[in-house]
PDB file of N, CA and C in Angstrom:
ATOM      1  N   MET A   1       0.817  -1.147  -0.003  1.00  0.00           N
ATOM      2  CA  MET A   1      -0.039   0.003  -0.042  1.00  0.00           C
ATOM      3  C   MET A   1       0.892   1.227  -0.076  1.00  0.00           C
ATOM      4  N   SER A   2       0.635   2.134  -0.894  1.00  0.00           N
ATOM      5  CA  SER A   2       1.362   3.385  -0.909  1.00  0.00           C
ATOM      6  C   SER A   2       0.892   4.383   0.071  1.00  0.00           C
ATOM      7  N   PRO A   3       1.776   5.304   0.597  1.00  0.00           N
ATOM      8  CA  PRO A   3       1.304   6.300   1.594  1.00  0.00           C
ATOM      9  C   PRO A   3       0.355   7.254   0.971  1.00  0.00           C
ATOM     10  N   SER A   4      -0.598   7.698   1.703  1.00  0.00           N
ATOM     11  CA  SER A   4      -1.537   8.717   1.236  1.00  0.00           C
ATOM     12  C   SER A   4      -0.884  10.104   1.346  1.00  0.00           C
ATOM     13  N   PRO A   5      -1.342  10.993   0.476  1.00  0.00           N
ATOM     14  CA  PRO A   5      -0.757  12.352   0.472  1.00  0.00           C
ATOM     15  C   PRO A   5      -1.125  13.019   1.787  1.00  0.00           C
ATOM     16  N   THR A   6      -0.400  13.991   2.306  1.00  0.00           N
ATOM     17  CA  THR A   6      -0.670  14.632   3.529  1.00  0.00           C
ATOM     18  C   THR A   6      -1.883  15.651   3.454  1.00  0.00           C
ATOM     19  N   ASN A   7      -2.226  15.992   2.150  1.00  0.00           N
ATOM     20  CA  ASN A   7      -3.294  16.965   2.012  1.00  0.00           C
ATOM     21  C   ASN A   7      -4.575  16.279   1.654  1.00  0.00           C
ATOM     22  N   THR A   8      -4.717  14.930   2.056  1.00  0.00           N
ATOM     23  CA  THR A   8      -5.929  14.202   1.617  1.00  0.00           C
ATOM     24  C   THR A   8      -7.068  14.645   2.424  1.00  0.00           C
ATOM     25  N   ILE A   9      -8.195  14.903   1.883  1.00  0.00           N
ATOM     26  CA  ILE A   9      -9.479  15.240   2.531  1.00  0.00           C
ATOM     27  C   ILE A   9     -10.228  13.922   2.862  1.00  0.00           C
ATOM     28  N   GLN A  10     -10.473  13.593   4.132  1.00  0.00           N
ATOM     29  CA  GLN A  10     -11.067  12.311   4.517  1.00  0.00           C
ATOM     30  C   GLN A  10     -12.584  12.298   4.195  1.00  0.00           C
ATOM     31  N   HIS A  11     -13.290  13.382   4.542  1.00  0.00           N
ATOM     32  CA  HIS A  11     -14.710  13.509   4.444  1.00  0.00           C
ATOM     33  C   HIS A  11     -15.018  14.835   3.819  1.00  0.00           C
ATOM     34  N   ILE A  12     -15.086  14.772   2.484  1.00  0.00           N
ATOM     35  CA  ILE A  12     -15.355  16.052   1.764  1.00  0.00           C
ATOM     36  C   ILE A  12     -16.850  16.348   1.798  1.00  0.00           C
ATOM     37  N   THR A  13     -17.291  17.668   1.821  1.00  0.00           N
ATOM     38  CA  THR A  13     -18.631  17.949   1.871  1.00  0.00           C
ATOM     39  C   THR A  13     -19.038  18.373   0.436  1.00  0.00           C
ATOM     40  N   TYR A  14     -20.310  18.432   0.302  1.00  0.00           N
ATOM     41  CA  TYR A  14     -20.889  18.851  -1.063  1.00  0.00           C
ATOM     42  C   TYR A  14     -20.436  20.314  -1.270  1.00  0.00           C
ATOM     43  N   GLU A  15     -20.383  21.168  -0.253  1.00  0.00           N
ATOM     44  CA  GLU A  15     -20.007  22.546  -0.499  1.00  0.00           C
ATOM     45  C   GLU A  15     -18.544  22.673  -0.908  1.00  0.00           C
ATOM     46  N   GLN A  16     -17.616  21.736  -0.395  1.00  0.00           N
ATOM     47  CA  GLN A  16     -16.283  21.696  -0.816  1.00  0.00           C
ATOM     48  C   GLN A  16     -16.094  21.283  -2.307  1.00  0.00           C
ATOM     49  N   VAL A  17     -16.946  20.345  -2.712  1.00  0.00           N
ATOM     50  CA  VAL A  17     -16.923  19.839  -4.107  1.00  0.00           C
ATOM     51  C   VAL A  17     -17.325  20.880  -5.038  1.00  0.00           C
ATOM     52  N   CYS A  18     -18.290  21.747  -4.587  1.00  0.00           N
ATOM     53  CA  CYS A  18     -18.909  22.767  -5.479  1.00  0.00           C
ATOM     54  C   CYS A  18     -18.195  24.088  -5.505  1.00  0.00           C
ATOM     55  N   HIS A  19     -17.140  24.239  -4.569  1.00  0.00           N
ATOM     56  CA  HIS A  19     -16.388  25.400  -4.438  1.00  0.00           C
ATOM     57  C   HIS A  19     -15.498  25.676  -5.626  1.00  0.00           C
ATOM     58  N   ARG A  20     -15.300  26.863  -6.063  1.00  0.00           N
ATOM     59  CA  ARG A  20     -14.511  27.164  -7.306  1.00  0.00           C
ATOM     60  C   ARG A  20     -13.056  26.698  -7.105  1.00  0.00           C
ATOM     61  N   ASN A  21     -12.584  26.482  -5.978  1.00  0.00           N
ATOM     62  CA  ASN A  21     -11.253  25.930  -5.824  1.00  0.00           C
ATOM     63  C   ASN A  21     -11.303  24.449  -5.492  1.00  0.00           C
ATOM     64  N   ASN A  22     -12.181  23.769  -6.144  1.00  0.00           N
ATOM     65  CA  ASN A  22     -12.449  22.300  -5.930  1.00  0.00           C
ATOM     66  C   ASN A  22     -11.035  21.568  -5.978  1.00  0.00           C
ATOM     67  N   PRO A  23     -10.810  20.671  -5.011  1.00  0.00           N
ATOM     68  CA  PRO A  23      -9.478  19.996  -4.921  1.00  0.00           C
ATOM     69  C   PRO A  23      -9.428  18.850  -5.757  1.00  0.00           C
ATOM     70  N   GLY A  24     -10.284  18.629  -6.788  1.00  0.00           N
ATOM     71  CA  GLY A  24     -10.180  17.595  -7.682  1.00  0.00           C
ATOM     72  C   GLY A  24     -11.232  16.427  -7.487  1.00  0.00           C
ATOM     73  N   PHE A  25     -12.285  16.739  -6.814  1.00  0.00           N
ATOM     74  CA  PHE A  25     -13.345  15.715  -6.527  1.00  0.00           C
ATOM     75  C   PHE A  25     -14.423  15.954  -7.604  1.00  0.00           C
ATOM     76  N   VAL A  26     -15.152  14.927  -7.851  1.00  0.00           N
ATOM     77  CA  VAL A  26     -16.369  14.940  -8.736  1.00  0.00           C
ATOM     78  C   VAL A  26     -17.531  14.446  -7.991  1.00  0.00           C
ATOM     79  N   GLU A  27     -18.745  14.855  -8.450  1.00  0.00           N
ATOM     80  CA  GLU A  27     -20.022  14.342  -7.924  1.00  0.00           C
ATOM     81  C   GLU A  27     -20.244  12.930  -8.582  1.00  0.00           C
ATOM     82  N   VAL A  28     -20.532  11.935  -7.711  1.00  0.00           N
ATOM     83  CA  VAL A  28     -20.700  10.608  -8.228  1.00  0.00           C
ATOM     84  C   VAL A  28     -22.000   9.950  -7.602  1.00  0.00           C
ATOM     85  N   LEU A  29     -22.720   9.240  -8.426  1.00  0.00           N
ATOM     86  CA  LEU A  29     -23.878   8.501  -7.954  1.00  0.00           C
ATOM     87  C   LEU A  29     -23.433   7.057  -8.044  1.00  0.00           C
ATOM     88  N   TYR A  30     -23.573   6.354  -6.948  1.00  0.00           N
ATOM     89  CA  TYR A  30     -23.211   4.896  -6.888  1.00  0.00           C
ATOM     90  C   TYR A  30     -24.469   4.148  -7.006  1.00  0.00           C
ATOM     91  N   VAL A  31     -24.610   3.262  -7.966  1.00  0.00           N
ATOM     92  CA  VAL A  31     -25.861   2.468  -8.215  1.00  0.00           C
ATOM     93  C   VAL A  31     -25.459   1.025  -8.161  1.00  0.00           C
ATOM     94  N   THR A  32     -26.224   0.244  -7.404  1.00  0.00           N
ATOM     95  CA  THR A  32     -26.089  -1.258  -7.309  1.00  0.00           C
ATOM     96  C   THR A  32     -27.180  -1.872  -8.081  1.00  0.00           C
ATOM     97  N   LEU A  33     -26.850  -2.710  -9.075  1.00  0.00           N
ATOM     98  CA  LEU A  33     -27.900  -3.303  -9.839  1.00  0.00           C
ATOM     99  C   LEU A  33     -27.997  -4.777  -9.370  1.00  0.00           C
ATOM    100  N   ASN A  34     -29.267  -5.256  -9.250  1.00  0.00           N
ATOM    101  CA  ASN A  34     -29.488  -6.652  -8.817  1.00  0.00           C
ATOM    102  C   ASN A  34     -28.953  -7.550  -9.893  1.00  0.00           C
ATOM    103  N   GLU A  35     -29.110  -7.246 -11.094  1.00  0.00           N
ATOM    104  CA  GLU A  35     -28.675  -8.141 -12.245  1.00  0.00           C
ATOM    105  C   GLU A  35     -27.937  -7.323 -13.275  1.00  0.00           C
ATOM    106  N   PRO A  36     -26.707  -6.882 -12.923  1.00  0.00           N
ATOM    107  CA  PRO A  36     -25.935  -5.939 -13.796  1.00  0.00           C
ATOM    108  C   PRO A  36     -25.739  -6.482 -15.281  1.00  0.00           C
ATOM    109  N   HIS A  37     -25.678  -7.806 -15.453  1.00  0.00           N
ATOM    110  CA  HIS A  37     -25.505  -8.292 -16.668  1.00  0.00           C
ATOM    111  C   HIS A  37     -26.691  -8.018 -17.651  1.00  0.00           C
ATOM    112  N   LYS A  38     -27.887  -7.901 -16.988  1.00  0.00           N
ATOM    113  CA  LYS A  38     -29.102  -7.634 -17.796  1.00  0.00           C
ATOM    114  C   LYS A  38     -29.400  -6.192 -17.829  1.00  0.00           C
ATOM    115  N   HIS A  39     -29.047  -5.271 -16.849  1.00  0.00           N
ATOM    116  CA  HIS A  39     -29.492  -3.924 -16.801  1.00  0.00           C
ATOM    117  C   HIS A  39     -28.403  -2.857 -16.981  1.00  0.00           C
ATOM    118  N   PHE A  40     -27.135  -3.220 -17.073  1.00  0.00           N
ATOM    119  CA  PHE A  40     -26.102  -2.154 -17.201  1.00  0.00           C
ATOM    120  C   PHE A  40     -26.275  -1.347 -18.461  1.00  0.00           C
ATOM    121  N   GLU A  41     -26.429  -1.972 -19.572  1.00  0.00           N
ATOM    122  CA  GLU A  41     -26.614  -1.286 -20.847  1.00  0.00           C
ATOM    123  C   GLU A  41     -27.866  -0.382 -20.805  1.00  0.00           C
ATOM    124  N   GLU A  42     -29.006  -0.851 -20.179  1.00  0.00           N
ATOM    125  CA  GLU A  42     -30.134   0.080 -20.057  1.00  0.00           C
ATOM    126  C   GLU A  42     -29.853   1.295 -19.207  1.00  0.00           C
ATOM    127  N   LEU A  43     -29.083   1.075 -18.149  1.00  0.00           N
ATOM    128  CA  LEU A  43     -28.671   2.204 -17.281  1.00  0.00           C
ATOM    129  C   LEU A  43     -27.806   3.210 -18.028  1.00  0.00           C
ATOM    130  N   ILE A  44     -26.877   2.729 -18.840  1.00  0.00           N
ATOM    131  CA  ILE A  44     -25.996   3.636 -19.587  1.00  0.00           C
ATOM    132  C   ILE A  44     -26.803   4.378 -20.520  1.00  0.00           C
ATOM    133  N   ARG A  45     -27.717   3.701 -21.239  1.00  0.00           N
ATOM    134  CA  ARG A  45     -28.579   4.360 -22.346  1.00  0.00           C
ATOM    135  C   ARG A  45     -29.322   5.397 -21.617  1.00  0.00           C
ATOM    136  N   PHE A  46     -29.892   5.129 -20.476  1.00  0.00           N
ATOM    137  CA  PHE A  46     -30.672   6.199 -19.698  1.00  0.00           C
ATOM    138  C   PHE A  46     -29.766   7.386 -19.385  1.00  0.00           C
ATOM    139  N   PHE A  47     -28.640   7.017 -18.833  1.00  0.00           N
ATOM    140  CA  PHE A  47     -27.683   8.133 -18.443  1.00  0.00           C
ATOM    141  C   PHE A  47     -27.394   9.088 -19.599  1.00  0.00           C
ATOM    142  N   PHE A  48     -27.146   8.534 -20.833  1.00  0.00           N
ATOM    143  CA  PHE A  48     -26.854   9.389 -21.911  1.00  0.00           C
ATOM    144  C   PHE A  48     -28.067  10.057 -22.584  1.00  0.00           C
ATOM    145  N   SER A  49     -29.278   9.643 -22.093  1.00  0.00           N
ATOM    146  CA  SER A  49     -30.458  10.422 -22.612  1.00  0.00           C
ATOM    147  C   SER A  49     -30.540  11.752 -22.023  1.00  0.00           C
ATOM    148  N   PHE A  50     -29.836  12.082 -21.008  1.00  0.00           N
ATOM    149  CA  PHE A  50     -29.934  13.447 -20.422  1.00  0.00           C
ATOM    150  C   PHE A  50     -28.501  14.016 -20.131  1.00  0.00           C
ATOM    151  N   HIS A  51     -27.483  13.269 -20.328  1.00  0.00           N
ATOM    152  CA  HIS A  51     -26.137  13.664 -20.029  1.00  0.00           C
ATOM    153  C   HIS A  51     -25.374  13.851 -21.277  1.00  0.00           C
ATOM    154  N   ASP A  52     -24.747  15.039 -21.504  1.00  0.00           N
ATOM    155  CA  ASP A  52     -24.085  15.283 -22.794  1.00  0.00           C
ATOM    156  C   ASP A  52     -22.547  15.266 -22.454  1.00  0.00           C
ATOM    157  N   PRO A  53     -21.850  14.210 -22.934  1.00  0.00           N
ATOM    158  CA  PRO A  53     -20.388  14.114 -22.598  1.00  0.00           C
ATOM    159  C   PRO A  53     -19.498  14.958 -23.551  1.00  0.00           C
ATOM    160  N   THR A  54     -20.097  15.672 -24.488  1.00  0.00           N
ATOM    161  CA  THR A  54     -19.305  16.514 -25.343  1.00  0.00           C
ATOM    162  C   THR A  54     -19.077  17.950 -24.769  1.00  0.00           C
ATOM    163  N   THR A  55     -19.765  18.274 -23.700  1.00  0.00           N
ATOM    164  CA  THR A  55     -19.504  19.571 -22.997  1.00  0.00           C
ATOM    165  C   THR A  55     -18.527  19.360 -21.923  1.00  0.00           C
ATOM    166  N   ARG A  56     -17.326  19.792 -21.972  1.00  0.00           N
ATOM    167  CA  ARG A  56     -16.312  19.511 -21.030  1.00  0.00           C
ATOM    168  C   ARG A  56     -16.658  20.248 -19.709  1.00  0.00           C
ATOM    169  N   ASN A  57     -16.721  19.446 -18.616  1.00  0.00           N
ATOM    170  CA  ASN A  57     -16.885  20.023 -17.260  1.00  0.00           C
ATOM    171  C   ASN A  57     -18.171  20.781 -17.186  1.00  0.00           C
ATOM    172  N   ARG A  58     -19.219  20.482 -17.861  1.00  0.00           N
ATOM    173  CA  ARG A  58     -20.444  21.138 -17.815  1.00  0.00           C
ATOM    174  C   ARG A  58     -21.602  20.119 -18.126  1.00  0.00           C
ATOM    175  N   GLN A  59     -22.689  20.384 -17.407  1.00  0.00           N
ATOM    176  CA  GLN A  59     -24.021  19.755 -17.727  1.00  0.00           C
ATOM    177  C   GLN A  59     -25.085  20.748 -17.461  1.00  0.00           C
ATOM    178  N   GLY A  60     -25.636  21.176 -18.600  1.00  0.00           N
ATOM    179  CA  GLY A  60     -26.738  22.199 -18.545  1.00  0.00           C
ATOM    180  C   GLY A  60     -26.140  23.481 -18.058  1.00  0.00           C
ATOM    181  N   ASN A  61     -26.720  24.051 -17.076  1.00  0.00           N
ATOM    182  CA  ASN A  61     -26.201  25.336 -16.514  1.00  0.00           C
ATOM    183  C   ASN A  61     -25.119  25.190 -15.432  1.00  0.00           C
ATOM    184  N   ASP A  62     -24.909  23.937 -15.046  1.00  0.00           N
ATOM    185  CA  ASP A  62     -23.891  23.570 -14.086  1.00  0.00           C
ATOM    186  C   ASP A  62     -22.469  23.501 -14.696  1.00  0.00           C
ATOM    187  N   THR A  63     -21.510  24.187 -14.160  1.00  0.00           N
ATOM    188  CA  THR A  63     -20.203  24.081 -14.743  1.00  0.00           C
ATOM    189  C   THR A  63     -19.205  23.874 -13.615  1.00  0.00           C
ATOM    190  N   GLY A  64     -18.129  23.316 -13.982  1.00  0.00           N
ATOM    191  CA  GLY A  64     -16.996  23.037 -13.012  1.00  0.00           C
ATOM    192  C   GLY A  64     -16.456  21.642 -13.133  1.00  0.00           C
ATOM    193  N   PHE A  65     -15.305  21.386 -12.696  1.00  0.00           N
ATOM    194  CA  PHE A  65     -14.574  20.064 -12.753  1.00  0.00           C
ATOM    195  C   PHE A  65     -15.521  18.947 -12.331  1.00  0.00           C
ATOM    196  N   GLN A  66     -16.344  19.096 -11.245  1.00  0.00           N
ATOM    197  CA  GLN A  66     -17.076  18.097 -10.681  1.00  0.00           C
ATOM    198  C   GLN A  66     -18.262  17.681 -11.676  1.00  0.00           C
ATOM    199  N   TYR A  67     -18.491  18.368 -12.776  1.00  0.00           N
ATOM    200  CA  TYR A  67     -19.563  18.087 -13.731  1.00  0.00           C
ATOM    201  C   TYR A  67     -19.023  17.314 -14.934  1.00  0.00           C
ATOM    202  N   GLY A  68     -17.839  16.754 -14.904  1.00  0.00           N
ATOM    203  CA  GLY A  68     -17.237  15.962 -16.003  1.00  0.00           C
ATOM    204  C   GLY A  68     -17.963  14.661 -16.238  1.00  0.00           C
ATOM    205  N   SER A  69     -17.675  14.066 -17.304  1.00  0.00           N
ATOM    206  CA  SER A  69     -18.334  12.797 -17.645  1.00  0.00           C
ATOM    207  C   SER A  69     -17.470  11.587 -17.191  1.00  0.00           C
ATOM    208  N   TYR A  70     -17.992  10.817 -16.309  1.00  0.00           N
ATOM    209  CA  TYR A  70     -17.248   9.612 -15.894  1.00  0.00           C
ATOM    210  C   TYR A  70     -18.206   8.507 -15.716  1.00  0.00           C
ATOM    211  N   ILE A  71     -17.785   7.228 -16.175  1.00  0.00           N
ATOM    212  CA  ILE A  71     -18.554   6.055 -15.996  1.00  0.00           C
ATOM    213  C   ILE A  71     -17.543   5.036 -15.323  1.00  0.00           C
ATOM    214  N   PHE A  72     -17.927   4.499 -14.265  1.00  0.00           N
ATOM    215  CA  PHE A  72     -17.086   3.481 -13.623  1.00  0.00           C
ATOM    216  C   PHE A  72     -17.720   2.124 -13.830  1.00  0.00           C
ATOM    217  N   TYR A  73     -16.979   1.190 -14.217  1.00  0.00           N
ATOM    218  CA  TYR A  73     -17.467  -0.120 -14.527  1.00  0.00           C
ATOM    219  C   TYR A  73     -16.719  -1.199 -13.697  1.00  0.00           C
ATOM    220  N   THR A  74     -17.249  -2.458 -13.631  1.00  0.00           N
ATOM    221  CA  THR A  74     -16.631  -3.467 -12.757  1.00  0.00           C
ATOM    222  C   THR A  74     -16.015  -4.594 -13.530  1.00  0.00           C
ATOM    223  N   ASP A  75     -16.227  -4.658 -14.930  1.00  0.00           N
ATOM    224  CA  ASP A  75     -15.586  -5.762 -15.702  1.00  0.00           C
ATOM    225  C   ASP A  75     -15.511  -5.422 -17.130  1.00  0.00           C
ATOM    226  N   ALA A  76     -14.953  -6.276 -17.908  1.00  0.00           N
ATOM    227  CA  ALA A  76     -14.665  -5.986 -19.344  1.00  0.00           C
ATOM    228  C   ALA A  76     -15.908  -5.773 -20.191  1.00  0.00           C
ATOM    229  N   GLU A  77     -17.015  -6.513 -19.801  1.00  0.00           N
ATOM    230  CA  GLU A  77     -18.244  -6.422 -20.553  1.00  0.00           C
ATOM    231  C   GLU A  77     -18.867  -4.985 -20.208  1.00  0.00           C
ATOM    232  N   GLN A  78     -18.833  -4.540 -19.070  1.00  0.00           N
ATOM    233  CA  GLN A  78     -19.334  -3.239 -18.728  1.00  0.00           C
ATOM    234  C   GLN A  78     -18.532  -2.173 -19.437  1.00  0.00           C
ATOM    235  N   LYS A  79     -17.234  -2.276 -19.403  1.00  0.00           N
ATOM    236  CA  LYS A  79     -16.309  -1.390 -20.101  1.00  0.00           C
ATOM    237  C   LYS A  79     -16.635  -1.274 -21.562  1.00  0.00           C
ATOM    238  N   GLN A  80     -16.942  -2.397 -22.296  1.00  0.00           N
ATOM    239  CA  GLN A  80     -17.336  -2.404 -23.667  1.00  0.00           C
ATOM    240  C   GLN A  80     -18.575  -1.685 -23.916  1.00  0.00           C
ATOM    241  N   ILE A  81     -19.600  -1.935 -23.063  1.00  0.00           N
ATOM    242  CA  ILE A  81     -20.903  -1.280 -23.136  1.00  0.00           C
ATOM    243  C   ILE A  81     -20.751   0.254 -22.941  1.00  0.00           C
ATOM    244  N   ALA A  82     -20.038   0.687 -21.940  1.00  0.00           N
ATOM    245  CA  ALA A  82     -19.813   2.104 -21.713  1.00  0.00           C
ATOM    246  C   ALA A  82     -19.124   2.723 -22.910  1.00  0.00           C
ATOM    247  N   LYS A  83     -18.186   2.051 -23.455  1.00  0.00           N
ATOM    248  CA  LYS A  83     -17.469   2.667 -24.674  1.00  0.00           C
ATOM    249  C   LYS A  83     -18.327   2.703 -25.931  1.00  0.00           C
ATOM    250  N   LYS A  84     -19.222   1.805 -26.000  1.00  0.00           N
ATOM    251  CA  LYS A  84     -20.120   1.655 -27.136  1.00  0.00           C
ATOM    252  C   LYS A  84     -21.080   2.912 -27.142  1.00  0.00           C
TER     253      LYS A  84
END
């Protein structure tokens, strides 16, 4: 295990994420699917129905580093679906 940086924030608040001097955090929604092999692609399609990945660090009227486009996946199949 590598040592953690001395300036690590252990419990960041929403206000800190939204501050103009954001220390590099993003807003994330963690979703647990009962049957990910059946529903992951449906979830990704829904995500992109309202999320525009072509606007850097912006979603609608919201701007800032925390509004970037990120998809986290757990295996190669989900990675392929996300890239598609």
